[in-house]
């Protein structure tokens, strides 16, 4: 019996794989949690980035109309114009299989990227990449964002049926928060001002719904989810918030291979604002 178990474990390991977008086939996809209509997501614009062969993590440039795209296959971080996707600049990445990217701002200005085949957090400044620290999310980290007021990197973590959001300072010290409501492997993450606290949106590869959390400084409070309502959908990837427009940018696939970016407005339903917490407690 012991040998049979070993063979079964080996067979499971062999059959599991991580694709070019970082999607891990060994992580199950579960049902959506209650409150899947707690938020409204309105797509106000869509565009493509024809210069990018791949689009994974996203970020924005404060004070400008620039969007940042991780083109992992090309080993580039691309700056493009919001709304058109026209190329503006590029920075090389330290390697392939990078997913998340985020920058600290203002000085010292630099880029952090993670990787889904190693456990390093890389940092780019003054034309040079270095290993900043060992990524506490290991190779399970995907979407990232940088919180300027506090200098924290926020990062998703998904392994098996364990889902967490990490908050990491620039020395590599960290804390993490369980987010069991998400139904599968997380991809994108972004932070934004919310209720005098910090809002955290995350997406999952296999569903188009976004999942909203409120961080009050010590706890991660689940607020509900909502769908952009695409008629065709294959995969959800990067996510970013732009404070100048107060809108979100979402990178996704349709028809298995076609990559788009949508600009999205967010609002909460009256139900979520007034009664969702008590309704959730009854499930």
Protein backbone atom coordinates (compact mmCIF):
# COMPACT_ATOMS: atom_id res chain seq x y z
CA UNK A 1 0.00 0.00 0.00
CA UNK A 2 2.87 2.39 0.80
CA UNK A 3 4.29 1.99 -2.71
CA UNK A 4 0.87 2.59 -4.27
CA UNK A 5 0.54 5.89 -2.38
CA UNK A 6 4.02 6.96 -3.55
CA UNK A 7 3.10 6.18 -7.15
CA UNK A 8 -0.15 8.14 -6.85
CA UNK A 9 1.71 11.16 -5.45
CA UNK A 10 4.26 10.99 -8.27
CA UNK A 11 1.50 10.72 -10.88
CA UNK A 12 -0.28 13.77 -9.42
CA UNK A 13 2.96 15.77 -9.43
CA UNK A 14 3.69 14.83 -13.03
CA UNK A 15 0.20 15.77 -14.21
CA UNK A 16 0.28 19.23 -12.56
CA UNK A 17 1.89 22.14 -14.40
CA UNK A 18 2.29 25.92 -14.31
CA UNK A 19 1.53 27.62 -17.62
CA UNK A 20 3.28 30.65 -19.17
CA UNK A 21 0.89 33.01 -17.37
CA UNK A 22 1.70 31.47 -13.98
CA UNK A 23 -1.54 29.53 -13.64
CA UNK A 24 -0.93 26.42 -11.47
CA UNK A 25 -3.12 23.51 -12.56
CA UNK A 26 -2.81 21.81 -9.16
CA UNK A 27 -4.81 24.57 -7.42
CA UNK A 28 -8.54 23.75 -7.44
CA UNK A 29 -11.30 26.11 -8.54
CA UNK A 30 -14.12 26.42 -6.01
CA UNK A 31 -17.55 28.07 -5.98
CA UNK A 32 -18.05 31.80 -5.68
CA UNK A 33 -18.67 32.97 -2.09
CA UNK A 34 -21.94 34.57 -0.96
CA UNK A 35 -22.23 38.24 -1.84
CA UNK A 36 -21.16 37.89 -5.46
CA UNK A 37 -23.27 40.94 -6.39
CA UNK A 38 -22.03 43.18 -3.57
CA UNK A 39 -20.10 45.46 -5.92
CA UNK A 40 -20.65 46.87 -9.38
CA UNK A 41 -17.90 46.96 -12.00
CA UNK A 42 -18.56 49.09 -15.07
CA UNK A 43 -16.18 48.78 -18.03
CA UNK A 44 -15.77 52.26 -19.55
CA UNK A 45 -12.98 51.55 -22.04
CA UNK A 46 -10.99 48.65 -23.53
CA UNK A 47 -7.75 48.58 -25.49
CA UNK A 48 -4.90 46.30 -26.48
CA UNK A 49 -1.11 46.61 -26.28
CA UNK A 50 0.07 45.47 -29.68
CA UNK A 51 3.74 45.77 -28.71
CA UNK A 52 3.33 43.21 -25.89
CA UNK A 53 3.30 39.50 -26.61
CA UNK A 54 2.22 38.85 -23.04
CA UNK A 55 0.52 40.93 -20.35
CA UNK A 56 0.61 39.79 -16.72
CA UNK A 57 1.02 42.18 -13.77
CA UNK A 58 -0.06 45.83 -14.12
CA UNK A 59 0.85 49.07 -12.39
CA UNK A 60 0.19 52.78 -12.94
CA UNK A 61 2.33 55.90 -12.96
CA UNK A 62 1.02 58.51 -10.51
CA UNK A 63 0.64 61.95 -12.03
CA UNK A 64 0.70 60.66 -15.59
CA UNK A 65 -1.45 58.82 -18.10
CA UNK A 66 0.91 55.86 -18.18
CA UNK A 67 0.10 52.23 -17.52
CA UNK A 68 2.79 49.66 -16.78
CA UNK A 69 2.58 46.13 -18.21
CA UNK A 70 4.68 43.08 -17.33
CA UNK A 71 5.62 41.41 -20.63
CA UNK A 72 7.32 38.37 -19.13
CA UNK A 73 8.03 36.48 -22.36
CA UNK A 74 9.92 39.48 -23.74
CA UNK A 75 11.64 40.03 -20.36
CA UNK A 76 10.39 43.63 -20.30
CA UNK A 77 8.39 46.01 -18.16
CA UNK A 78 6.53 48.17 -20.67
CA UNK A 79 5.20 51.67 -20.15
CA UNK A 80 2.22 52.40 -22.40
CA UNK A 81 -0.41 55.09 -22.80
CA UNK A 82 -3.66 54.49 -21.01
CA UNK A 83 -6.55 54.12 -23.42
CA UNK A 84 -4.44 53.38 -26.50
CA UNK A 85 -1.70 50.98 -25.39
CA UNK A 86 0.84 52.93 -27.44
CA UNK A 87 4.44 52.16 -26.36
CA UNK A 88 6.35 54.77 -24.34
CA UNK A 89 9.37 53.06 -22.72
CA UNK A 90 10.72 49.71 -21.56
CA UNK A 91 12.87 48.36 -18.73
CA UNK A 92 14.45 44.88 -18.88
CA UNK A 93 13.44 42.32 -16.25
CA UNK A 94 16.06 40.19 -14.49
CA UNK A 95 14.66 36.98 -15.98
CA UNK A 96 11.62 35.32 -17.54
CA UNK A 97 8.58 34.02 -15.64
CA UNK A 98 8.04 37.27 -13.79
CA UNK A 99 4.43 38.17 -12.96
CA UNK A 100 4.01 41.02 -10.47
CA UNK A 101 5.54 44.47 -10.75
CA UNK A 102 5.25 47.54 -8.56
CA UNK A 103 7.28 50.67 -7.92
CA UNK A 104 8.12 52.72 -4.87
CA UNK A 105 7.49 56.42 -5.25
CA UNK A 106 8.72 59.10 -4.78
CA UNK A 107 12.47 58.88 -4.10
CA UNK A 108 14.02 56.36 -4.12
CA UNK A 109 12.20 55.35 -7.29
CA UNK A 110 12.63 51.73 -8.31
CA UNK A 111 10.84 48.58 -9.44
CA UNK A 112 10.04 45.38 -7.56
CA UNK A 113 9.20 42.20 -9.50
CA UNK A 114 8.50 38.65 -8.37
CA UNK A 115 8.95 35.36 -10.21
CA UNK A 116 6.89 32.16 -10.32
CA UNK A 117 9.84 29.79 -10.79
CA UNK A 118 12.07 31.05 -7.97
CA UNK A 119 11.68 32.60 -4.51
CA UNK A 120 13.44 35.94 -4.98
CA UNK A 121 12.11 39.48 -4.86
CA UNK A 122 14.03 41.55 -7.40
CA UNK A 123 14.63 45.31 -7.26
CA UNK A 124 15.64 47.65 -10.09
CA UNK A 125 17.26 51.00 -9.47
CA UNK A 126 19.76 53.17 -11.39
CA UNK A 127 19.96 50.67 -14.24
CA UNK A 128 20.75 47.62 -12.11
CA UNK A 129 18.74 44.62 -10.88
CA UNK A 130 19.53 43.05 -7.51
CA UNK A 131 17.86 40.54 -5.21
CA UNK A 132 16.15 42.71 -2.60
CA UNK A 133 15.27 39.80 -0.29
CA UNK A 134 13.83 36.31 -0.32
CA UNK A 135 10.16 36.59 -1.24
CA UNK A 136 8.07 35.38 1.73
CA UNK A 137 5.42 34.23 -0.76
CA UNK A 138 8.07 32.13 -2.50
CA UNK A 139 7.22 31.13 -6.05
CA UNK A 140 3.51 31.22 -5.12
CA UNK A 141 3.39 35.04 -5.33
CA UNK A 142 1.64 36.68 -8.29
CA UNK A 143 -0.05 40.12 -8.31
CA UNK A 144 1.67 42.96 -6.43
CA UNK A 145 1.13 46.61 -5.56
CA UNK A 146 3.17 49.18 -3.63
CA UNK A 147 1.57 51.21 -0.84
CA UNK A 148 3.39 54.56 -0.81
CA UNK A 149 2.08 55.72 2.57
CA UNK A 150 3.91 53.12 4.61
CA UNK A 151 6.25 51.64 2.00
CA UNK A 152 4.68 48.19 1.83
CA UNK A 153 4.57 45.68 -0.99
CA UNK A 154 1.24 43.83 -1.14
CA UNK A 155 1.28 40.42 -2.84
CA UNK A 156 -1.07 37.49 -3.47
CA UNK A 157 -0.21 33.95 -2.38
CA UNK A 158 -2.01 30.79 -3.50
CA UNK A 159 -0.91 27.23 -2.76
CA UNK A 160 -3.24 24.23 -2.66
CA UNK A 161 -6.31 25.59 -0.88
CA UNK A 162 -4.36 28.18 1.14
CA UNK A 163 -4.95 31.76 0.02
CA UNK A 164 -3.20 34.72 1.62
CA UNK A 165 -2.35 38.35 1.03
CA UNK A 166 1.13 39.37 2.17
CA UNK A 167 2.17 42.82 3.36
CA UNK A 168 5.96 43.13 3.06
CA UNK A 169 8.23 46.02 3.99
CA UNK A 170 11.35 46.91 2.03
CA UNK A 171 13.58 44.83 4.29
CA UNK A 172 11.55 41.67 3.60
CA UNK A 173 9.80 41.64 6.99
CA UNK A 174 6.16 40.68 6.53
CA UNK A 175 2.77 39.79 7.86
CA UNK A 176 0.03 37.91 6.02
CA UNK A 177 -3.75 37.70 6.07
CA UNK A 178 -5.86 34.70 5.11
CA UNK A 179 -8.48 35.29 2.40
CA UNK A 180 -10.46 32.03 2.32
CA UNK A 181 -13.31 33.61 0.38
CA UNK A 182 -11.47 33.54 -2.95
CA UNK A 183 -12.45 30.52 -5.08
CA UNK A 184 -9.06 29.67 -6.60
CA UNK A 185 -5.56 30.82 -7.46
CA UNK A 186 -5.22 34.59 -7.25
CA UNK A 187 -3.66 36.56 -10.09
CA UNK A 188 -3.98 40.36 -9.87
CA UNK A 189 -3.93 42.65 -6.81
CA UNK A 190 -4.27 46.38 -6.30
CA UNK A 191 -4.71 48.70 -3.33
CA UNK A 192 -6.65 51.97 -3.16
CA UNK A 193 -8.17 54.41 -0.62
CA UNK A 194 -11.35 52.95 0.88
CA UNK A 195 -13.52 54.05 3.84
CA UNK A 196 -10.58 55.93 5.42
CA UNK A 197 -8.71 52.63 5.31
CA UNK A 198 -7.02 50.63 2.57
CA UNK A 199 -9.05 48.76 -0.03
CA UNK A 200 -7.56 45.64 -1.59
CA UNK A 201 -8.98 44.12 -4.77
CA UNK A 202 -7.81 40.70 -5.94
CA UNK A 203 -8.67 38.64 -9.01
CA UNK A 204 -8.43 34.90 -9.68
CA UNK A 205 -7.20 33.31 -12.88
CA UNK A 206 -10.29 31.23 -13.62
CA UNK A 207 -13.15 33.63 -12.83
CA UNK A 208 -13.83 37.19 -13.94
CA UNK A 209 -15.15 38.27 -10.54
CA UNK A 210 -13.15 40.71 -8.39
CA UNK A 211 -12.95 40.22 -4.61
CA UNK A 212 -12.89 43.24 -2.30
CA UNK A 213 -11.22 43.47 1.11
CA UNK A 214 -10.82 46.33 3.56
CA UNK A 215 -7.62 46.52 5.60
CA UNK A 216 -8.06 48.51 8.82
CA UNK A 217 -4.42 48.33 9.90
CA UNK A 218 -4.67 44.94 11.57
CA UNK A 219 -7.46 42.89 9.95
CA UNK A 220 -8.49 42.00 6.41
CA UNK A 221 -12.28 42.29 6.18
CA UNK A 222 -14.09 40.68 3.25
CA UNK A 223 -16.64 43.03 1.65
CA UNK A 224 -17.95 40.99 -1.27
CA UNK A 225 -17.36 40.55 -4.99
CA UNK A 226 -18.69 41.52 -8.38
CA UNK A 227 -18.29 40.73 -12.05
CA UNK A 228 -17.42 42.97 -15.02
CA UNK A 229 -20.00 40.93 -16.95
CA UNK A 230 -17.99 39.79 -19.96
CA UNK A 231 -19.87 37.57 -22.41
CA UNK A 232 -16.64 35.78 -23.32
CA UNK A 233 -13.90 35.17 -20.78
CA UNK A 234 -10.88 32.86 -20.54
CA UNK A 235 -8.46 34.14 -17.89
CA UNK A 236 -8.04 37.03 -15.44
CA UNK A 237 -4.52 38.41 -14.93
CA UNK A 238 -3.19 41.80 -13.71
CA UNK A 239 -4.96 44.60 -11.84
CA UNK A 240 -4.02 48.22 -11.05
CA UNK A 241 -5.62 51.39 -9.63
CA UNK A 242 -4.91 54.91 -10.89
CA UNK A 243 -5.52 57.64 -8.27
CA UNK A 244 -5.71 60.42 -10.87
CA UNK A 245 -8.69 58.88 -12.66
CA UNK A 246 -10.07 56.93 -9.68
CA UNK A 247 -10.46 53.95 -11.99
CA UNK A 248 -9.01 50.45 -12.23
CA UNK A 249 -7.20 48.71 -15.07
CA UNK A 250 -7.70 44.97 -15.60
CA UNK A 251 -5.83 42.64 -17.91
CA UNK A 252 -7.72 39.57 -19.14
CA UNK A 253 -7.97 37.02 -21.94
CA UNK A 254 -10.88 36.12 -24.21
CA UNK A 255 -11.15 33.24 -26.66
CA UNK A 256 -8.20 31.58 -24.84
CA UNK A 257 -5.46 33.75 -26.39
CA UNK A 258 -6.63 37.32 -27.09
CA UNK A 259 -5.40 39.79 -24.46
CA UNK A 260 -7.24 42.98 -23.52
CA UNK A 261 -7.03 45.71 -20.90
CA UNK A 262 -10.21 47.29 -19.54
CA UNK A 263 -10.61 50.53 -17.61
CA UNK A 264 -13.21 49.90 -14.92
CA UNK A 265 -15.27 52.02 -12.54
CA UNK A 266 -16.19 50.55 -9.15
CA UNK A 267 -19.21 51.16 -6.90
CA UNK A 268 -20.80 49.30 -4.03
CA UNK A 269 -24.43 48.26 -3.92
CA UNK A 270 -26.67 49.60 -1.19
CA UNK A 271 -27.04 46.02 0.10
CA UNK A 272 -23.29 45.68 0.65
CA UNK A 273 -22.97 48.99 2.42
CA UNK A 274 -25.79 48.47 4.92
CA UNK A 275 -26.40 44.78 5.55
CA UNK A 276 -23.82 42.52 3.95
CA UNK A 277 -21.84 42.02 7.16
CA UNK A 278 -24.87 40.69 9.05
CA UNK A 279 -26.05 38.59 6.11
CA UNK A 280 -22.63 37.00 5.76
CA UNK A 281 -22.65 36.07 9.46
CA UNK A 282 -25.79 33.98 8.92
CA UNK A 283 -24.26 31.63 6.33
